[in-house]
N, C-alpha and C. Protein backbone atom coordinates (compact mmCIF):
# COMPACT_ATOMS: atom_id res chain seq x y z
N MET A 1 49.25 122.36 73.10
CA MET A 1 49.24 121.57 73.97
C MET A 1 50.12 122.88 74.76
N LYS A 2 50.09 123.79 75.68
CA LYS A 2 50.99 124.79 75.93
C LYS A 2 51.67 124.32 76.77
N ILE A 3 52.08 124.92 77.71
CA ILE A 3 53.57 124.69 78.41
C ILE A 3 54.26 125.42 78.99
N LYS A 4 53.97 125.96 80.25
CA LYS A 4 54.08 126.83 81.07
C LYS A 4 54.99 126.90 82.46
N VAL A 5 56.37 127.49 82.54
CA VAL A 5 57.42 127.40 83.21
C VAL A 5 56.54 128.21 84.51
N LEU A 6 56.67 127.19 85.72
CA LEU A 6 55.83 128.05 86.91
C LEU A 6 57.26 128.31 88.28
N LYS A 7 58.56 127.23 87.70
CA LYS A 7 59.57 127.83 88.43
C LYS A 7 61.04 127.39 87.55
N GLN A 8 61.63 127.84 88.07
CA GLN A 8 62.72 128.02 87.20
C GLN A 8 64.31 128.09 88.03
N THR A 9 64.71 127.63 88.64
CA THR A 9 65.84 128.13 89.41
C THR A 9 67.40 127.00 88.54
N ASP A 10 68.66 127.12 89.43
CA ASP A 10 69.71 126.48 88.87
C ASP A 10 69.34 124.53 88.72
N ASN A 11 69.00 124.10 89.35
CA ASN A 11 68.69 122.75 90.15
C ASN A 11 67.27 122.28 90.40
N GLU A 12 65.76 123.40 89.70
CA GLU A 12 64.68 122.41 89.66
C GLU A 12 63.51 123.45 88.77
N LEU A 13 63.04 122.96 88.74
CA LEU A 13 62.22 122.96 87.18
C LEU A 13 60.32 122.65 87.39
N LYS A 14 59.76 123.27 87.39
CA LYS A 14 58.35 123.45 87.96
C LYS A 14 57.76 123.84 86.36
N ILE A 15 56.73 122.96 85.74
CA ILE A 15 56.14 123.21 84.59
C ILE A 15 54.83 122.50 84.54
N GLU A 16 53.73 123.44 84.09
CA GLU A 16 52.27 123.01 83.83
C GLU A 16 52.17 122.59 82.34
N ILE A 17 51.81 122.20 82.30
CA ILE A 17 51.04 120.94 80.84
C ILE A 17 49.77 120.77 80.65
N ASP A 18 49.25 121.72 79.81
CA ASP A 18 47.85 122.55 79.34
C ASP A 18 47.19 121.27 78.54
N GLY A 19 46.45 120.46 78.87
CA GLY A 19 45.76 119.48 78.19
C GLY A 19 46.52 117.74 77.85
N SER A 20 47.40 117.90 78.99
CA SER A 20 47.71 116.88 79.48
C SER A 20 47.00 116.03 80.26
N GLY A 21 47.90 114.78 80.57
CA GLY A 21 47.13 113.82 81.10
C GLY A 21 48.32 112.70 81.61
N HIS A 22 48.14 111.47 82.51
CA HIS A 22 48.60 111.23 83.28
C HIS A 22 49.71 109.92 82.33
N GLY A 23 49.00 109.92 81.07
CA GLY A 23 50.04 109.54 80.12
C GLY A 23 51.58 109.83 79.75
N VAL A 24 51.31 111.14 79.23
CA VAL A 24 52.62 111.71 79.28
C VAL A 24 53.46 111.64 80.16
N CYS A 25 52.86 112.48 81.42
CA CYS A 25 53.43 112.51 82.70
C CYS A 25 54.03 111.79 82.79
N ASN A 26 53.53 110.10 83.43
CA ASN A 26 54.07 109.28 83.89
C ASN A 26 54.95 108.50 82.89
N LEU A 27 55.09 108.67 81.46
CA LEU A 27 56.29 108.34 80.85
C LEU A 27 57.44 109.42 81.39
N LEU A 28 57.07 110.65 80.54
CA LEU A 28 58.37 111.47 81.38
C LEU A 28 58.66 111.31 82.67
N GLN A 29 58.25 110.85 83.48
CA GLN A 29 58.26 110.63 85.17
C GLN A 29 59.63 109.45 85.29
N LYS A 30 58.87 108.53 84.21
CA LYS A 30 59.83 107.70 84.00
C LYS A 30 61.68 107.64 83.56
N LYS A 31 61.40 108.36 82.03
CA LYS A 31 62.35 108.75 82.00
C LYS A 31 63.27 110.07 82.69
N LEU A 32 62.99 110.97 83.23
CA LEU A 32 63.44 111.69 84.16
C LEU A 32 64.44 110.91 85.54
N LEU A 33 63.82 109.58 86.34
CA LEU A 33 64.54 108.80 87.48
C LEU A 33 65.29 108.28 86.61
N GLU A 34 65.29 107.72 85.53
CA GLU A 34 66.10 106.87 84.75
C GLU A 34 68.07 107.90 84.97
N HIS A 35 67.77 109.38 84.52
CA HIS A 35 68.66 109.46 84.78
C HIS A 35 69.36 109.86 86.30
N LYS A 36 71.21 109.90 86.06
CA LYS A 36 71.54 109.34 87.49
C LYS A 36 71.51 110.74 88.23
N LYS A 37 71.54 112.00 86.94
CA LYS A 37 71.55 113.47 88.17
C LYS A 37 70.35 113.98 88.89
N ILE A 38 69.61 113.43 88.64
CA ILE A 38 67.80 113.56 88.85
C ILE A 38 67.75 113.48 90.64
N ASP A 39 67.97 114.37 91.27
CA ASP A 39 67.54 114.05 92.39
C ASP A 39 66.26 113.72 92.84
N GLN A 40 64.98 114.80 92.42
CA GLN A 40 63.50 114.29 92.16
C GLN A 40 62.88 114.36 91.07
N ALA A 41 61.85 113.63 90.57
CA ALA A 41 61.26 113.88 89.62
C ALA A 41 59.80 113.73 89.84
N GLY A 42 58.71 114.19 89.29
CA GLY A 42 57.27 113.55 90.14
C GLY A 42 56.66 114.78 88.92
N TYR A 43 55.25 113.99 89.08
CA TYR A 43 54.13 115.03 88.52
C TYR A 43 52.82 115.21 89.91
N ASP A 44 52.26 116.09 89.48
CA ASP A 44 50.77 116.13 89.93
C ASP A 44 49.82 116.83 89.41
N VAL A 45 48.67 115.86 89.48
CA VAL A 45 47.18 116.90 88.58
C VAL A 45 46.64 117.09 89.95
N PRO A 46 46.58 118.41 90.14
CA PRO A 46 46.23 119.39 91.63
C PRO A 46 44.18 118.80 91.45
N HIS A 47 43.50 118.65 89.98
CA HIS A 47 42.34 118.35 90.05
C HIS A 47 41.90 117.74 88.89
N PRO A 48 40.77 116.45 89.28
CA PRO A 48 41.28 115.86 88.17
C PRO A 48 40.20 115.91 86.97
N LEU A 49 38.94 117.36 87.31
CA LEU A 49 38.46 117.95 86.57
C LEU A 49 39.36 118.78 85.07
N ALA A 50 40.32 119.11 85.89
CA ALA A 50 41.18 120.27 85.05
C ALA A 50 42.39 119.37 85.28
N SER A 51 42.17 118.71 83.78
CA SER A 51 44.04 117.94 83.26
C SER A 51 44.96 119.44 82.98
N ASN A 52 45.68 119.70 83.68
CA ASN A 52 47.16 120.79 83.92
C ASN A 52 47.35 120.16 84.86
N PRO A 53 48.50 118.76 84.68
CA PRO A 53 49.33 118.31 85.15
C PRO A 53 50.54 119.17 85.16
N ILE A 54 51.38 119.22 86.41
CA ILE A 54 51.92 119.56 86.68
C ILE A 54 53.65 118.89 87.17
N ILE A 55 54.69 118.94 86.91
CA ILE A 55 55.85 118.17 86.42
C ILE A 55 57.11 119.49 87.38
N TYR A 56 57.39 118.41 88.18
CA TYR A 56 58.74 119.05 89.40
C TYR A 56 59.97 118.30 88.81
N VAL A 57 60.73 118.77 88.65
CA VAL A 57 62.25 117.99 88.28
C VAL A 57 63.19 119.31 89.04
N ARG A 58 64.27 118.01 90.02
CA ARG A 58 65.32 118.98 90.65
C ARG A 58 66.31 118.25 90.62
N THR A 59 66.98 118.62 90.31
CA THR A 59 68.66 118.02 89.86
C THR A 59 69.90 117.83 90.99
N SER A 60 70.91 117.62 90.88
CA SER A 60 71.90 117.43 91.64
C SER A 60 72.54 118.93 91.81
N GLY A 61 72.52 119.85 90.75
CA GLY A 61 73.28 120.87 90.49
C GLY A 61 74.37 120.62 89.00
N LYS A 62 74.52 119.63 88.99
CA LYS A 62 75.64 119.31 87.86
C LYS A 62 75.28 119.51 86.42
N VAL A 63 73.86 119.49 86.49
CA VAL A 63 73.26 119.45 84.86
C VAL A 63 71.55 120.48 85.41
N LYS A 64 71.58 121.57 84.34
CA LYS A 64 70.41 122.54 84.08
C LYS A 64 69.16 121.20 84.25
N PRO A 65 67.78 121.33 84.79
CA PRO A 65 67.00 120.37 84.98
C PRO A 65 66.24 120.78 83.34
N LYS A 66 66.21 121.63 82.38
CA LYS A 66 65.26 121.73 81.58
C LYS A 66 66.53 120.93 80.95
N GLU A 67 67.93 120.83 80.81
CA GLU A 67 68.41 119.35 79.63
C GLU A 67 67.99 118.24 79.57
N VAL A 68 67.91 118.45 81.03
CA VAL A 68 67.27 116.73 81.70
C VAL A 68 66.07 116.45 81.04
N LEU A 69 65.50 117.15 81.13
CA LEU A 69 63.46 117.18 81.09
C LEU A 69 63.96 116.98 79.16
N LEU A 70 64.47 118.00 78.88
CA LEU A 70 64.16 117.42 77.30
C LEU A 70 64.86 116.00 76.51
N GLU A 71 66.31 115.88 77.64
CA GLU A 71 66.58 114.39 77.37
C GLU A 71 65.71 113.41 77.33
N ALA A 72 64.90 113.84 78.54
CA ALA A 72 63.29 112.77 78.85
C ALA A 72 62.57 112.90 77.74
N ALA A 73 62.09 113.79 77.68
CA ALA A 73 61.13 114.14 76.28
C ALA A 73 61.75 113.00 75.33
N ALA A 74 63.17 113.35 74.16
CA ALA A 74 63.70 113.17 73.54
C ALA A 74 63.22 111.07 73.58
N ASP A 75 64.40 111.01 74.91
CA ASP A 75 63.88 109.30 75.07
C ASP A 75 62.68 108.97 75.21
N ALA A 76 61.49 109.94 75.88
CA ALA A 76 60.40 109.08 75.08
C ALA A 76 59.78 108.81 73.81
N ARG A 77 60.35 109.97 73.01
CA ARG A 77 59.64 110.15 71.78
C ARG A 77 60.33 108.83 70.94
N GLU A 78 61.48 108.76 71.61
CA GLU A 78 61.95 107.16 70.73
C GLU A 78 61.56 106.05 71.56
N SER A 79 60.99 105.65 72.13
CA SER A 79 60.50 104.74 73.15
C SER A 79 59.16 104.66 72.52
N ASN A 80 58.25 105.40 72.09
CA ASN A 80 56.84 105.84 71.29
C ASN A 80 56.98 105.15 69.72
N GLN A 81 58.40 106.10 69.30
CA GLN A 81 58.48 105.43 67.87
C GLN A 81 58.78 103.74 67.86
N ALA A 82 59.42 103.31 68.83
CA ALA A 82 59.93 101.87 69.05
C ALA A 82 58.48 100.88 69.06
N PHE A 83 57.84 101.72 70.15
CA PHE A 83 57.01 100.66 70.65
C PHE A 83 55.75 100.94 69.34
N GLY A 84 55.69 101.84 68.31
CA GLY A 84 54.65 101.73 67.30
C GLY A 84 54.93 100.91 65.93
N LYS A 85 56.45 100.66 65.79
CA LYS A 85 56.95 99.92 64.83
C LYS A 85 56.57 98.67 65.54
N ALA A 86 56.78 98.49 66.53
CA ALA A 86 56.80 96.40 67.05
C ALA A 86 55.35 96.84 66.68
N LEU A 87 54.86 97.50 67.19
CA LEU A 87 52.72 97.28 67.31
C LEU A 87 52.84 96.89 65.73
N GLU A 88 52.91 97.85 64.75
CA GLU A 88 53.06 97.48 63.28
C GLU A 88 53.01 96.24 62.99
N GLU A 89 54.29 95.83 62.99
CA GLU A 89 54.99 94.49 62.60
C GLU A 89 53.68 93.16 63.13
N ALA A 90 53.84 93.29 64.51
CA ALA A 90 52.33 92.19 65.16
C ALA A 90 51.79 92.43 64.61
N ILE A 91 50.79 93.64 64.38
CA ILE A 91 49.73 93.37 63.58
C ILE A 91 49.86 93.21 62.33
N LYS A 92 50.75 93.20 61.65
CA LYS A 92 51.17 92.58 60.11
C LYS A 92 50.56 91.06 60.22
N SER A 93 51.25 90.26 61.40
CA SER A 93 51.37 89.02 61.16
C SER A 93 50.33 88.40 61.09
C-alpha cells in the first residue's frame, strides 16, 4: 500500500491511498469525525476501476491534521483488534 500526500497545510491534509478501498477509508472517516477538532473529514473514490481513494481532513487549526489522522489510524487499529478478539471468542463457543 502506497500513500501519497496531495496537499498539506496547517489545517488541511489530502492523501491518496493506492490499492485501498471503501473499508479502510470509511473506518478512517468515522474515526476522524469522532475527533472534536475536526471541521471536515471525508473520502472520495474518483473512479471505481482505479481504487485510489483520496482522504481529506480539515481541522479547526488548533491541531495538525496529520496528527489527527495518525490518531484515527491508531483508533481504527484498536477497533479491528477488539473485533478480531471478539470474533475468535464467538467462533470458539
